[in-house]
Amino acid sequence: MAKKRKARMNVQELAQEEKVVSFHPRDMKSFYAWDGDILVLNILGTPSAKKDSIGKPKGNELKISVTAAPVGGRATDYMVKWLAKEFDVSKSDIEVVFGRMNIHKQLRIKNPKKLIRVIEKMEK
């Protein structure tokens, strides 16, 4: 009987019952959130920039520019490699949740050893 009840519940009711946190960008109040020791980061990417840089938050996304061209997801791959150095983690510790071929992305960074300045300011 419990399975039938859960099947009739909507997503919000299931999330409340299971204590699930939504990391959908429209539900997040900031460009980042913590899921245990995993940093969830919403990104507004700019490929083919003059230099690699981390900009300011725009709404609930963080502007990040990379020099790589947006061909077949290579700009996202380059961004992951570059951010791995910035957060002092390996590339395999960064998962692209969605947006590999889009400027709007969400990344999950496992146990970042250091934080970028924008996040450090907000953590204080």
PDB file of N, CA and C in Angstrom:
ATOM      1  N   MET A   1       0.811  -1.191   0.000  1.00  0.00           N
ATOM      2  CA  MET A   1       0.000   0.000   0.000  1.00  0.00           C
ATOM      3  C   MET A   1       0.859   1.260   0.000  1.00  0.00           C
ATOM      4  N   ALA A   2       1.997   1.237   0.678  1.00  0.00           N
ATOM      5  CA  ALA A   2       2.859   2.410   0.749  1.00  0.00           C
ATOM      6  C   ALA A   2       3.399   2.787  -0.632  1.00  0.00           C
ATOM      7  N   LYS A   3       3.681   1.798  -1.467  1.00  0.00           N
ATOM      8  CA  LYS A   3       4.186   2.094  -2.802  1.00  0.00           C
ATOM      9  C   LYS A   3       3.151   2.828  -3.634  1.00  0.00           C
ATOM     10  N   LYS A   4       1.892   2.432  -3.520  1.00  0.00           N
ATOM     11  CA  LYS A   4       0.843   3.117  -4.267  1.00  0.00           C
ATOM     12  C   LYS A   4       0.713   4.550  -3.790  1.00  0.00           C
ATOM     13  N   ARG A   5       0.818   4.769  -2.509  1.00  0.00           N
ATOM     14  CA  ARG A   5       0.712   6.125  -1.958  1.00  0.00           C
ATOM     15  C   ARG A   5       1.827   6.998  -2.516  1.00  0.00           C
ATOM     16  N   LYS A   6       3.067   6.491  -2.535  1.00  0.00           N
ATOM     17  CA  LYS A   6       4.191   7.266  -3.055  1.00  0.00           C
ATOM     18  C   LYS A   6       4.018   7.556  -4.533  1.00  0.00           C
ATOM     19  N   ALA A   7       3.455   6.637  -5.272  1.00  0.00           N
ATOM     20  CA  ALA A   7       3.250   6.850  -6.702  1.00  0.00           C
ATOM     21  C   ALA A   7       2.280   7.992  -6.953  1.00  0.00           C
ATOM     22  N   ARG A   8       1.368   8.231  -6.056  1.00  0.00           N
ATOM     23  CA  ARG A   8       0.386   9.302  -6.218  1.00  0.00           C
ATOM     24  C   ARG A   8       0.900  10.650  -5.732  1.00  0.00           C
ATOM     25  N   MET A   9       1.988  10.663  -5.005  1.00  0.00           N
ATOM     26  CA  MET A   9       2.543  11.912  -4.497  1.00  0.00           C
ATOM     27  C   MET A   9       3.169  12.708  -5.636  1.00  0.00           C
ATOM     28  N   ASN A  10       3.136  14.036  -5.491  1.00  0.00           N
ATOM     29  CA  ASN A  10       3.848  14.836  -6.479  1.00  0.00           C
ATOM     30  C   ASN A  10       5.318  14.936  -6.068  1.00  0.00           C
ATOM     31  N   VAL A  11       6.106  15.540  -6.914  1.00  0.00           N
ATOM     32  CA  VAL A  11       7.555  15.604  -6.701  1.00  0.00           C
ATOM     33  C   VAL A  11       7.905  16.317  -5.402  1.00  0.00           C
ATOM     34  N   GLN A  12       7.236  17.423  -5.102  1.00  0.00           N
ATOM     35  CA  GLN A  12       7.542  18.172  -3.883  1.00  0.00           C
ATOM     36  C   GLN A  12       7.246  17.352  -2.631  1.00  0.00           C
ATOM     37  N   GLU A  13       6.122  16.619  -2.638  1.00  0.00           N
ATOM     38  CA  GLU A  13       5.786  15.787  -1.476  1.00  0.00           C
ATOM     39  C   GLU A  13       6.818  14.683  -1.291  1.00  0.00           C
ATOM     40  N   LEU A  14       7.238  14.064  -2.386  1.00  0.00           N
ATOM     41  CA  LEU A  14       8.269  13.022  -2.294  1.00  0.00           C
ATOM     42  C   LEU A  14       9.574  13.598  -1.756  1.00  0.00           C
ATOM     43  N   ALA A  15       9.942  14.771  -2.237  1.00  0.00           N
ATOM     44  CA  ALA A  15      11.180  15.404  -1.786  1.00  0.00           C
ATOM     45  C   ALA A  15      11.136  15.700  -0.297  1.00  0.00           C
ATOM     46  N   GLN A  16       9.993  16.187   0.193  1.00  0.00           N
ATOM     47  CA  GLN A  16       9.873  16.481   1.617  1.00  0.00           C
ATOM     48  C   GLN A  16       9.947  15.207   2.447  1.00  0.00           C
ATOM     49  N   GLU A  17       9.271  14.149   1.981  1.00  0.00           N
ATOM     50  CA  GLU A  17       9.262  12.896   2.724  1.00  0.00           C
ATOM     51  C   GLU A  17      10.650  12.258   2.758  1.00  0.00           C
ATOM     52  N   GLU A  18      11.354  12.310   1.650  1.00  0.00           N
ATOM     53  CA  GLU A  18      12.665  11.674   1.548  1.00  0.00           C
ATOM     54  C   GLU A  18      13.797  12.609   1.955  1.00  0.00           C
ATOM     55  N   LYS A  19      13.477  13.844   2.318  1.00  0.00           N
ATOM     56  CA  LYS A  19      14.467  14.856   2.699  1.00  0.00           C
ATOM     57  C   LYS A  19      15.442  15.129   1.551  1.00  0.00           C
ATOM     58  N   VAL A  20      14.925  15.197   0.331  1.00  0.00           N
ATOM     59  CA  VAL A  20      15.736  15.452  -0.851  1.00  0.00           C
ATOM     60  C   VAL A  20      15.771  16.954  -1.093  1.00  0.00           C
ATOM     61  N   VAL A  21      16.941  17.470  -1.412  1.00  0.00           N
ATOM     62  CA  VAL A  21      17.101  18.876  -1.718  1.00  0.00           C
ATOM     63  C   VAL A  21      17.138  19.020  -3.232  1.00  0.00           C
ATOM     64  N   SER A  22      16.383  19.968  -3.764  1.00  0.00           N
ATOM     65  CA  SER A  22      16.376  20.194  -5.211  1.00  0.00           C
ATOM     66  C   SER A  22      17.542  21.090  -5.598  1.00  0.00           C
ATOM     67  N   PHE A  23      18.287  20.656  -6.587  1.00  0.00           N
ATOM     68  CA  PHE A  23      19.387  21.465  -7.090  1.00  0.00           C
ATOM     69  C   PHE A  23      19.082  21.964  -8.494  1.00  0.00           C
ATOM     70  N   HIS A  24      17.781  22.067  -8.807  1.00  0.00           N
ATOM     71  CA  HIS A  24      17.402  22.655 -10.086  1.00  0.00           C
ATOM     72  C   HIS A  24      17.747  24.141 -10.003  1.00  0.00           C
ATOM     73  N   PRO A  25      18.363  24.705 -11.030  1.00  0.00           N
ATOM     74  CA  PRO A  25      18.799  26.108 -10.963  1.00  0.00           C
ATOM     75  C   PRO A  25      17.709  27.086 -10.545  1.00  0.00           C
ATOM     76  N   ARG A  26      16.472  26.874 -10.969  1.00  0.00           N
ATOM     77  CA  ARG A  26      15.424  27.833 -10.589  1.00  0.00           C
ATOM     78  C   ARG A  26      15.062  27.725  -9.109  1.00  0.00           C
ATOM     79  N   ASP A  27      15.383  26.597  -8.467  1.00  0.00           N
ATOM     80  CA  ASP A  27      15.081  26.416  -7.047  1.00  0.00           C
ATOM     81  C   ASP A  27      16.208  26.921  -6.144  1.00  0.00           C
ATOM     82  N   MET A  28      17.394  27.095  -6.711  1.00  0.00           N
ATOM     83  CA  MET A  28      18.536  27.534  -5.916  1.00  0.00           C
ATOM     84  C   MET A  28      18.496  29.052  -5.756  1.00  0.00           C
ATOM     85  N   LYS A  29      18.785  29.531  -4.565  1.00  0.00           N
ATOM     86  CA  LYS A  29      18.769  30.956  -4.290  1.00  0.00           C
ATOM     87  C   LYS A  29      20.108  31.616  -4.608  1.00  0.00           C
ATOM     88  N   SER A  30      21.142  30.816  -4.787  1.00  0.00           N
ATOM     89  CA  SER A  30      22.473  31.313  -5.079  1.00  0.00           C
ATOM     90  C   SER A  30      23.048  30.508  -6.250  1.00  0.00           C
ATOM     91  N   PHE A  31      24.224  30.897  -6.711  1.00  0.00           N
ATOM     92  CA  PHE A  31      24.860  30.173  -7.805  1.00  0.00           C
ATOM     93  C   PHE A  31      25.544  28.893  -7.330  1.00  0.00           C
ATOM     94  N   TYR A  32      25.599  28.707  -6.014  1.00  0.00           N
ATOM     95  CA  TYR A  32      26.208  27.484  -5.487  1.00  0.00           C
ATOM     96  C   TYR A  32      25.414  26.977  -4.294  1.00  0.00           C
ATOM     97  N   ALA A  33      25.602  25.698  -4.021  1.00  0.00           N
ATOM     98  CA  ALA A  33      24.983  25.074  -2.850  1.00  0.00           C
ATOM     99  C   ALA A  33      25.854  23.890  -2.456  1.00  0.00           C
ATOM    100  N   TRP A  34      25.709  23.468  -1.225  1.00  0.00           N
ATOM    101  CA  TRP A  34      26.450  22.306  -0.733  1.00  0.00           C
ATOM    102  C   TRP A  34      25.511  21.117  -0.597  1.00  0.00           C
ATOM    103  N   ASP A  35      25.946  19.968  -1.087  1.00  0.00           N
ATOM    104  CA  ASP A  35      25.239  18.698  -0.917  1.00  0.00           C
ATOM    105  C   ASP A  35      26.217  17.785  -0.185  1.00  0.00           C
ATOM    106  N   GLY A  36      26.245  17.914   1.142  1.00  0.00           N
ATOM    107  CA  GLY A  36      27.264  17.211   1.925  1.00  0.00           C
ATOM    108  C   GLY A  36      28.617  17.851   1.647  1.00  0.00           C
ATOM    109  N   ASP A  37      29.579  17.064   1.145  1.00  0.00           N
ATOM    110  CA  ASP A  37      30.892  17.617   0.806  1.00  0.00           C
ATOM    111  C   ASP A  37      31.021  17.901  -0.692  1.00  0.00           C
ATOM    112  N   ILE A  38      29.893  17.905  -1.403  1.00  0.00           N
ATOM    113  CA  ILE A  38      29.888  18.183  -2.839  1.00  0.00           C
ATOM    114  C   ILE A  38      29.378  19.601  -3.069  1.00  0.00           C
ATOM    115  N   LEU A  39      30.153  20.374  -3.819  1.00  0.00           N
ATOM    116  CA  LEU A  39      29.773  21.733  -4.186  1.00  0.00           C
ATOM    117  C   LEU A  39      29.005  21.680  -5.501  1.00  0.00           C
ATOM    118  N   VAL A  40      27.774  22.152  -5.487  1.00  0.00           N
ATOM    119  CA  VAL A  40      26.941  22.223  -6.695  1.00  0.00           C
ATOM    120  C   VAL A  40      27.047  23.654  -7.202  1.00  0.00           C
ATOM    121  N   LEU A  41      27.471  23.811  -8.457  1.00  0.00           N
ATOM    122  CA  LEU A  41      27.781  25.118  -9.006  1.00  0.00           C
ATOM    123  C   LEU A  41      27.033  25.336 -10.315  1.00  0.00           C
ATOM    124  N   ASN A  42      26.231  26.416 -10.385  1.00  0.00           N
ATOM    125  CA  ASN A  42      25.546  26.794 -11.619  1.00  0.00           C
ATOM    126  C   ASN A  42      26.418  27.805 -12.349  1.00  0.00           C
ATOM    127  N   ILE A  43      26.639  27.570 -13.643  1.00  0.00           N
ATOM    128  CA  ILE A  43      27.573  28.377 -14.408  1.00  0.00           C
ATOM    129  C   ILE A  43      26.904  28.956 -15.647  1.00  0.00           C
ATOM    130  N   LEU A  44      27.235  30.215 -15.925  1.00  0.00           N
ATOM    131  CA  LEU A  44      26.921  30.858 -17.188  1.00  0.00           C
ATOM    132  C   LEU A  44      28.258  30.987 -17.909  1.00  0.00           C
ATOM    133  N   GLY A  45      28.497  30.100 -18.863  1.00  0.00           N
ATOM    134  CA  GLY A  45      29.792  30.024 -19.524  1.00  0.00           C
ATOM    135  C   GLY A  45      29.903  30.923 -20.734  1.00  0.00           C
ATOM    136  N   THR A  46      31.118  31.412 -20.956  1.00  0.00           N
ATOM    137  CA  THR A  46      31.430  32.190 -22.140  1.00  0.00           C
ATOM    138  C   THR A  46      32.651  31.549 -22.800  1.00  0.00           C
ATOM    139  N   PRO A  47      32.469  30.898 -23.952  1.00  0.00           N
ATOM    140  CA  PRO A  47      33.603  30.313 -24.662  1.00  0.00           C
ATOM    141  C   PRO A  47      34.305  31.367 -25.522  1.00  0.00           C
ATOM    142  N   SER A  48      35.465  31.018 -26.040  1.00  0.00           N
ATOM    143  CA  SER A  48      36.241  31.877 -26.951  1.00  0.00           C
ATOM    144  C   SER A  48      36.540  33.253 -26.360  1.00  0.00           C
ATOM    145  N   ALA A  49      36.788  33.315 -25.067  1.00  0.00           N
ATOM    146  CA  ALA A  49      37.116  34.576 -24.410  1.00  0.00           C
ATOM    147  C   ALA A  49      38.597  34.891 -24.596  1.00  0.00           C
ATOM    148  N   LYS A  50      38.987  36.116 -24.282  1.00  0.00           N
ATOM    149  CA  LYS A  50      40.397  36.510 -24.402  1.00  0.00           C
ATOM    150  C   LYS A  50      41.254  35.813 -23.354  1.00  0.00           C
ATOM    151  N   LYS A  51      40.671  35.599 -22.162  1.00  0.00           N
ATOM    152  CA  LYS A  51      41.418  34.912 -21.104  1.00  0.00           C
ATOM    153  C   LYS A  51      40.459  34.108 -20.240  1.00  0.00           C
ATOM    154  N   ASP A  52      40.987  33.124 -19.540  1.00  0.00           N
ATOM    155  CA  ASP A  52      40.201  32.329 -18.603  1.00  0.00           C
ATOM    156  C   ASP A  52      39.969  33.173 -17.355  1.00  0.00           C
ATOM    157  N   SER A  53      38.698  33.286 -16.950  1.00  0.00           N
ATOM    158  CA  SER A  53      38.430  34.084 -15.756  1.00  0.00           C
ATOM    159  C   SER A  53      37.117  33.686 -15.114  1.00  0.00           C
ATOM    160  N   ILE A  54      37.053  33.968 -13.823  1.00  0.00           N
ATOM    161  CA  ILE A  54      35.837  33.769 -13.045  1.00  0.00           C
ATOM    162  C   ILE A  54      35.287  35.145 -12.763  1.00  0.00           C
ATOM    163  N   GLY A  55      34.049  35.376 -13.207  1.00  0.00           N
ATOM    164  CA  GLY A  55      33.437  36.689 -13.057  1.00  0.00           C
ATOM    165  C   GLY A  55      32.546  36.776 -11.836  1.00  0.00           C
ATOM    166  N   LYS A  56      31.571  37.634 -11.939  1.00  0.00           N
ATOM    167  CA  LYS A  56      30.628  37.862 -10.847  1.00  0.00           C
ATOM    168  C   LYS A  56      29.385  37.004 -11.048  1.00  0.00           C
ATOM    169  N   PRO A  57      28.655  36.762  -9.980  1.00  0.00           N
ATOM    170  CA  PRO A  57      27.380  36.053 -10.121  1.00  0.00           C
ATOM    171  C   PRO A  57      26.381  36.889 -10.921  1.00  0.00           C
ATOM    172  N   LYS A  58      25.597  36.213 -11.728  1.00  0.00           N
ATOM    173  CA  LYS A  58      24.498  36.855 -12.460  1.00  0.00           C
ATOM    174  C   LYS A  58      23.262  36.034 -12.162  1.00  0.00           C
ATOM    175  N   GLY A  59      22.416  36.553 -11.280  1.00  0.00           N
ATOM    176  CA  GLY A  59      21.262  35.784 -10.827  1.00  0.00           C
ATOM    177  C   GLY A  59      21.739  34.592 -10.018  1.00  0.00           C
ATOM    178  N   ASN A  60      21.322  33.399 -10.413  1.00  0.00           N
ATOM    179  CA  ASN A  60      21.775  32.203  -9.693  1.00  0.00           C
ATOM    180  C   ASN A  60      22.791  31.411 -10.520  1.00  0.00           C
ATOM    181  N   GLU A  61      23.596  32.140 -11.315  1.00  0.00           N
ATOM    182  CA  GLU A  61      24.683  31.525 -12.070  1.00  0.00           C
ATOM    183  C   GLU A  61      25.947  32.351 -11.880  1.00  0.00           C
ATOM    184  N   LEU A  62      27.087  31.690 -11.977  1.00  0.00           N
ATOM    185  CA  LEU A  62      28.381  32.345 -11.880  1.00  0.00           C
ATOM    186  C   LEU A  62      28.954  32.453 -13.285  1.00  0.00           C
ATOM    187  N   LYS A  63      29.366  33.657 -13.680  1.00  0.00           N
ATOM    188  CA  LYS A  63      29.951  33.848 -15.001  1.00  0.00           C
ATOM    189  C   LYS A  63      31.377  33.294 -15.013  1.00  0.00           C
ATOM    190  N   ILE A  64      31.644  32.413 -15.966  1.00  0.00           N
ATOM    191  CA  ILE A  64      32.989  31.874 -16.143  1.00  0.00           C
ATOM    192  C   ILE A  64      33.318  31.923 -17.623  1.00  0.00           C
ATOM    193  N   SER A  65      34.459  32.519 -17.957  1.00  0.00           N
ATOM    194  CA  SER A  65      34.910  32.638 -19.336  1.00  0.00           C
ATOM    195  C   SER A  65      36.129  31.759 -19.551  1.00  0.00           C
ATOM    196  N   VAL A  66      36.163  31.093 -20.699  1.00  0.00           N
ATOM    197  CA  VAL A  66      37.322  30.266 -21.058  1.00  0.00           C
ATOM    198  C   VAL A  66      37.745  30.578 -22.486  1.00  0.00           C
ATOM    199  N   THR A  67      38.997  30.332 -22.797  1.00  0.00           N
ATOM    200  CA  THR A  67      39.553  30.641 -24.107  1.00  0.00           C
ATOM    201  C   THR A  67      39.215  29.589 -25.159  1.00  0.00           C
ATOM    202  N   ALA A  68      38.789  28.424 -24.754  1.00  0.00           N
ATOM    203  CA  ALA A  68      38.509  27.330 -25.688  1.00  0.00           C
ATOM    204  C   ALA A  68      37.283  27.644 -26.549  1.00  0.00           C
ATOM    205  N   ALA A  69      37.329  27.155 -27.783  1.00  0.00           N
ATOM    206  CA  ALA A  69      36.219  27.346 -28.713  1.00  0.00           C
ATOM    207  C   ALA A  69      35.098  26.350 -28.418  1.00  0.00           C
ATOM    208  N   PRO A  70      33.843  26.755 -28.667  1.00  0.00           N
ATOM    209  CA  PRO A  70      32.708  25.883 -28.364  1.00  0.00           C
ATOM    210  C   PRO A  70      32.436  24.868 -29.477  1.00  0.00           C
ATOM    211  N   VAL A  71      33.370  23.954 -29.664  1.00  0.00           N
ATOM    212  CA  VAL A  71      33.227  22.943 -30.716  1.00  0.00           C
ATOM    213  C   VAL A  71      33.090  21.577 -30.061  1.00  0.00           C
ATOM    214  N   GLY A  72      31.921  20.975 -30.198  1.00  0.00           N
ATOM    215  CA  GLY A  72      31.703  19.620 -29.690  1.00  0.00           C
ATOM    216  C   GLY A  72      31.914  19.446 -28.204  1.00  0.00           C
ATOM    217  N   GLY A  73      31.620  20.462 -27.417  1.00  0.00           N
ATOM    218  CA  GLY A  73      31.762  20.357 -25.973  1.00  0.00           C
ATOM    219  C   GLY A  73      33.176  20.559 -25.461  1.00  0.00           C
ATOM    220  N   ARG A  74      34.086  20.951 -26.349  1.00  0.00           N
ATOM    221  CA  ARG A  74      35.486  21.133 -25.918  1.00  0.00           C
ATOM    222  C   ARG A  74      35.667  22.283 -24.941  1.00  0.00           C
ATOM    223  N   ALA A  75      34.850  23.330 -25.076  1.00  0.00           N
ATOM    224  CA  ALA A  75      34.949  24.453 -24.136  1.00  0.00           C
ATOM    225  C   ALA A  75      34.575  23.996 -22.727  1.00  0.00           C
ATOM    226  N   THR A  76      33.565  23.145 -22.610  1.00  0.00           N
ATOM    227  CA  THR A  76      33.169  22.624 -21.302  1.00  0.00           C
ATOM    228  C   THR A  76      34.259  21.711 -20.749  1.00  0.00           C
ATOM    229  N   ASP A  77      34.826  20.857 -21.599  1.00  0.00           N
ATOM    230  CA  ASP A  77      35.911  19.983 -21.156  1.00  0.00           C
ATOM    231  C   ASP A  77      37.099  20.801 -20.659  1.00  0.00           C
ATOM    232  N   TYR A  78      37.415  21.864 -21.388  1.00  0.00           N
ATOM    233  CA  TYR A  78      38.506  22.746 -20.981  1.00  0.00           C
ATOM    234  C   TYR A  78      38.166  23.428 -19.661  1.00  0.00           C
ATOM    235  N   MET A  79      36.900  23.886 -19.514  1.00  0.00           N
ATOM    236  CA  MET A  79      36.464  24.548 -18.287  1.00  0.00           C
ATOM    237  C   MET A  79      36.613  23.611 -17.085  1.00  0.00           C
ATOM    238  N   VAL A  80      36.235  22.351 -17.261  1.00  0.00           N
ATOM    239  CA  VAL A  80      36.355  21.371 -16.176  1.00  0.00           C
ATOM    240  C   VAL A  80      37.818  21.210 -15.787  1.00  0.00           C
ATOM    241  N   LYS A  81      38.684  21.091 -16.786  1.00  0.00           N
ATOM    242  CA  LYS A  81      40.126  20.934 -16.523  1.00  0.00           C
ATOM    243  C   LYS A  81      40.672  22.159 -15.788  1.00  0.00           C
ATOM    244  N   TRP A  82      40.266  23.351 -16.234  1.00  0.00           N
ATOM    245  CA  TRP A  82      40.742  24.589 -15.620  1.00  0.00           C
ATOM    246  C   TRP A  82      40.193  24.750 -14.197  1.00  0.00           C
ATOM    247  N   LEU A  83      38.901  24.454 -14.002  1.00  0.00           N
ATOM    248  CA  LEU A  83      38.306  24.577 -12.665  1.00  0.00           C
ATOM    249  C   LEU A  83      38.875  23.539 -11.695  1.00  0.00           C
ATOM    250  N   ALA A  84      39.289  22.391 -12.206  1.00  0.00           N
ATOM    251  CA  ALA A  84      39.914  21.382 -11.343  1.00  0.00           C
ATOM    252  C   ALA A  84      41.155  21.969 -10.672  1.00  0.00           C
ATOM    253  N   LYS A  85      41.918  22.755 -11.418  1.00  0.00           N
ATOM    254  CA  LYS A  85      43.100  23.413 -10.832  1.00  0.00           C
ATOM    255  C   LYS A  85      42.681  24.480  -9.825  1.00  0.00           C
ATOM    256  N   GLU A  86      41.633  25.242 -10.167  1.00  0.00           N
ATOM    257  CA  GLU A  86      41.174  26.315  -9.281  1.00  0.00           C
ATOM    258  C   GLU A  86      40.662  25.782  -7.941  1.00  0.00           C
ATOM    259  N   PHE A  87      39.996  24.633  -7.957  1.00  0.00           N
ATOM    260  CA  PHE A  87      39.443  24.039  -6.735  1.00  0.00           C
ATOM    261  C   PHE A  87      40.371  22.988  -6.124  1.00  0.00           C
ATOM    262  N   ASP A  88      41.518  22.765  -6.751  1.00  0.00           N
ATOM    263  CA  ASP A  88      42.520  21.805  -6.275  1.00  0.00           C
ATOM    264  C   ASP A  88      41.940  20.391  -6.141  1.00  0.00           C
ATOM    265  N   VAL A  89      41.281  19.937  -7.224  1.00  0.00           N
ATOM    266  CA  VAL A  89      40.738  18.579  -7.298  1.00  0.00           C
ATOM    267  C   VAL A  89      41.149  17.977  -8.640  1.00  0.00           C
ATOM    268  N   SER A  90      40.920  16.704  -8.817  1.00  0.00           N
ATOM    269  CA  SER A  90      41.199  16.085 -10.108  1.00  0.00           C
ATOM    270  C   SER A  90      40.005  16.301 -11.040  1.00  0.00           C
ATOM    271  N   LYS A  91      40.236  16.160 -12.340  1.00  0.00           N
ATOM    272  CA  LYS A  91      39.153  16.329 -13.316  1.00  0.00           C
ATOM    273  C   LYS A  91      38.016  15.348 -13.064  1.00  0.00           C
ATOM    274  N   SER A  92      38.375  14.158 -12.602  1.00  0.00           N
ATOM    275  CA  SER A  92      37.343  13.141 -12.361  1.00  0.00           C
ATOM    276  C   SER A  92      36.459  13.485 -11.157  1.00  0.00           C
ATOM    277  N   ASP A  93      36.873  14.450 -10.340  1.00  0.00           N
ATOM    278  CA  ASP A  93      36.066  14.889  -9.199  1.00  0.00           C
ATOM    279  C   ASP A  93      35.016  15.923  -9.589  1.00  0.00           C
ATOM    280  N   ILE A  94      35.007  16.319 -10.857  1.00  0.00           N
ATOM    281  CA  ILE A  94      34.027  17.285 -11.335  1.00  0.00           C
ATOM    282  C   ILE A  94      33.099  16.594 -12.321  1.00  0.00           C
ATOM    283  N   GLU A  95      31.810  16.646 -12.017  1.00  0.00           N
ATOM    284  CA  GLU A  95      30.802  16.038 -12.881  1.00  0.00           C
ATOM    285  C   GLU A  95      29.962  17.140 -13.519  1.00  0.00           C
ATOM    286  N   VAL A  96      29.794  17.072 -14.832  1.00  0.00           N
ATOM    287  CA  VAL A  96      28.915  18.000 -15.533  1.00  0.00           C
ATOM    288  C   VAL A  96      27.518  17.386 -15.477  1.00  0.00           C
ATOM    289  N   VAL A  97      26.643  17.963 -14.660  1.00  0.00           N
ATOM    290  CA  VAL A  97      25.294  17.431 -14.479  1.00  0.00           C
ATOM    291  C   VAL A  97      24.479  17.681 -15.741  1.00  0.00           C
ATOM    292  N   PHE A  98      24.509  18.911 -16.236  1.00  0.00           N
ATOM    293  CA  PHE A  98      23.861  19.227 -17.507  1.00  0.00           C
ATOM    294  C   PHE A  98      24.560  20.431 -18.121  1.00  0.00           C
ATOM    295  N   GLY A  99      24.375  20.613 -19.427  1.00  0.00           N
ATOM    296  CA  GLY A  99      24.896  21.782 -20.110  1.00  0.00           C
ATOM    297  C   GLY A  99      26.237  21.602 -20.774  1.00  0.00           C
ATOM    298  N   ARG A 100      26.624  20.374 -21.088  1.00  0.00           N
ATOM    299  CA  ARG A 100      27.932  20.173 -21.718  1.00  0.00           C
ATOM    300  C   ARG A 100      28.035  20.939 -23.033  1.00  0.00           C
ATOM    301  N   MET A 101      26.934  21.036 -23.774  1.00  0.00           N
ATOM    302  CA  MET A 101      26.941  21.739 -25.063  1.00  0.00           C
ATOM    303  C   MET A 101      26.105  23.019 -24.992  1.00  0.00           C
ATOM    304  N   ASN A 102      26.053  23.651 -23.814  1.00  0.00           N
ATOM    305  CA  ASN A 102      25.226  24.820 -23.607  1.00  0.00           C
ATOM    306  C   ASN A 102      25.981  25.800 -22.718  1.00  0.00           C
ATOM    307  N   ILE A 103      25.606  27.074 -22.769  1.00  0.00           N
ATOM    308  CA  ILE A 103      26.285  28.042 -21.895  1.00  0.00           C
ATOM    309  C   ILE A 103      25.801  27.944 -20.453  1.00  0.00           C
ATOM    310  N   HIS A 104      24.618  27.387 -20.244  1.00  0.00           N
ATOM    311  CA  HIS A 104      24.083  27.199 -18.895  1.00  0.00           C
ATOM    312  C   HIS A 104      24.450  25.791 -18.429  1.00  0.00           C
ATOM    313  N   LYS A 105      25.233  25.688 -17.360  1.00  0.00           N
ATOM    314  CA  LYS A 105      25.749  24.402 -16.891  1.00  0.00           C
ATOM    315  C   LYS A 105      25.541  24.251 -15.386  1.00  0.00           C
ATOM    316  N   GLN A 106      25.578  23.000 -14.952  1.00  0.00           N
ATOM    317  CA  GLN A 106      25.643  22.723 -13.523  1.00  0.00           C
ATOM    318  C   GLN A 106      26.732  21.693 -13.314  1.00  0.00           C
ATOM    319  N   LEU A 107      27.632  22.004 -12.391  1.00  0.00           N
ATOM    320  CA  LEU A 107      28.735  21.107 -12.057  1.00  0.00           C
ATOM    321  C   LEU A 107      28.604  20.659 -10.613  1.00  0.00           C
ATOM    322  N   ARG A 108      29.066  19.445 -10.349  1.00  0.00           N
ATOM    323  CA  ARG A 108      29.165  18.921  -8.978  1.00  0.00           C
ATOM    324  C   ARG A 108      30.633  18.642  -8.732  1.00  0.00           C
ATOM    325  N   ILE A 109      31.195  19.315  -7.746  1.00  0.00           N
ATOM    326  CA  ILE A 109      32.622  19.209  -7.446  1.00  0.00           C
ATOM    327  C   ILE A 109      32.774  18.500  -6.110  1.00  0.00           C
ATOM    328  N   LYS A 110      33.382  17.313  -6.155  1.00  0.00           N
ATOM    329  CA  LYS A 110      33.549  16.504  -4.943  1.00  0.00           C
ATOM    330  C   LYS A 110      34.671  17.057  -4.076  1.00  0.00           C
ATOM    331  N   ASN A 111      34.339  17.374  -2.853  1.00  0.00           N
ATOM    332  CA  ASN A 111      35.296  17.747  -1.820  1.00  0.00           C
ATOM    333  C   ASN A 111      36.374  18.721  -2.304  1.00  0.00           C
ATOM    334  N   PRO A 112      35.988  19.944  -2.699  1.00  0.00           N
ATOM    335  CA  PRO A 112      36.994  20.904  -3.150  1.00  0.00           C
ATOM    336  C   PRO A 112      37.959  21.252  -2.025  1.00  0.00           C
ATOM    337  N   LYS A 113      39.244  21.231  -2.335  1.00  0.00           N
ATOM    338  CA  LYS A 113      40.266  21.487  -1.318  1.00  0.00           C
ATOM    339  C   LYS A 113      40.449  22.977  -1.069  1.00  0.00           C
ATOM    340  N   LYS A 114      40.136  23.793  -2.066  1.00  0.00           N
ATOM    341  CA  LYS A 114      40.130  25.242  -1.863  1.00  0.00           C
ATOM    342  C   LYS A 114      38.955  25.827  -2.625  1.00  0.00           C
ATOM    343  N   LEU A 115      38.511  26.995  -2.177  1.00  0.00           N
ATOM    344  CA  LEU A 115      37.359  27.656  -2.791  1.00  0.00           C
ATOM    345  C   LEU A 115      37.814  28.898  -3.536  1.00  0.00           C
ATOM    346  N   ILE A 116      37.075  29.242  -4.567  1.00  0.00           N
ATOM    347  CA  ILE A 116      37.375  30.463  -5.297  1.00  0.00           C
ATOM    348  C   ILE A 116      36.915  31.654  -4.475  1.00  0.00           C
ATOM    349  N   ARG A 117      37.460  32.814  -4.762  1.00  0.00           N
ATOM    350  CA  ARG A 117      37.238  34.012  -3.953  1.00  0.00           C
ATOM    351  C   ARG A 117      35.750  34.375  -3.826  1.00  0.00           C
ATOM    352  N   VAL A 118      34.995  34.245  -4.911  1.00  0.00           N
ATOM    353  CA  VAL A 118      33.564  34.608  -4.896  1.00  0.00           C
ATOM    354  C   VAL A 118      32.808  33.766  -3.860  1.00  0.00           C
ATOM    355  N   ILE A 119      33.126  32.496  -3.786  1.00  0.00           N
ATOM    356  CA  ILE A 119      32.450  31.615  -2.809  1.00  0.00           C
ATOM    357  C   ILE A 119      32.960  31.890  -1.405  1.00  0.00           C
ATOM    358  N   GLU A 120      34.255  32.113  -1.255  1.00  0.00           N
ATOM    359  CA  GLU A 120      34.817  32.415   0.064  1.00  0.00           C
ATOM    360  C   GLU A 120      34.141  33.634   0.679  1.00  0.00           C
ATOM    361  N   LYS A 121      33.894  34.672  -0.128  1.00  0.00           N
ATOM    362  CA  LYS A 121      33.243  35.892   0.379  1.00  0.00           C
ATOM    363  C   LYS A 121      31.836  35.585   0.882  1.00  0.00           C
ATOM    364  N   MET A 122      31.115  34.722   0.158  1.00  0.00           N
ATOM    365  CA  MET A 122      29.743  34.421   0.548  1.00  0.00           C
ATOM    366  C   MET A 122      29.683  33.476   1.742  1.00  0.00           C
ATOM    367  N   GLU A 123      30.712  32.671   1.947  1.00  0.00           N
ATOM    368  CA  GLU A 123      30.744  31.739   3.061  1.00  0.00           C
ATOM    369  C   GLU A 123      30.967  32.448   4.391  1.00  0.00           C
ATOM    370  N   LYS A 124      31.518  33.655   4.357  1.00  0.00           N
ATOM    371  CA  LYS A 124      31.825  34.381   5.604  1.00  0.00           C
ATOM    372  C   LYS A 124      30.598  34.950   6.228  1.00  0.00           C
TER     373      LYS A 124
END
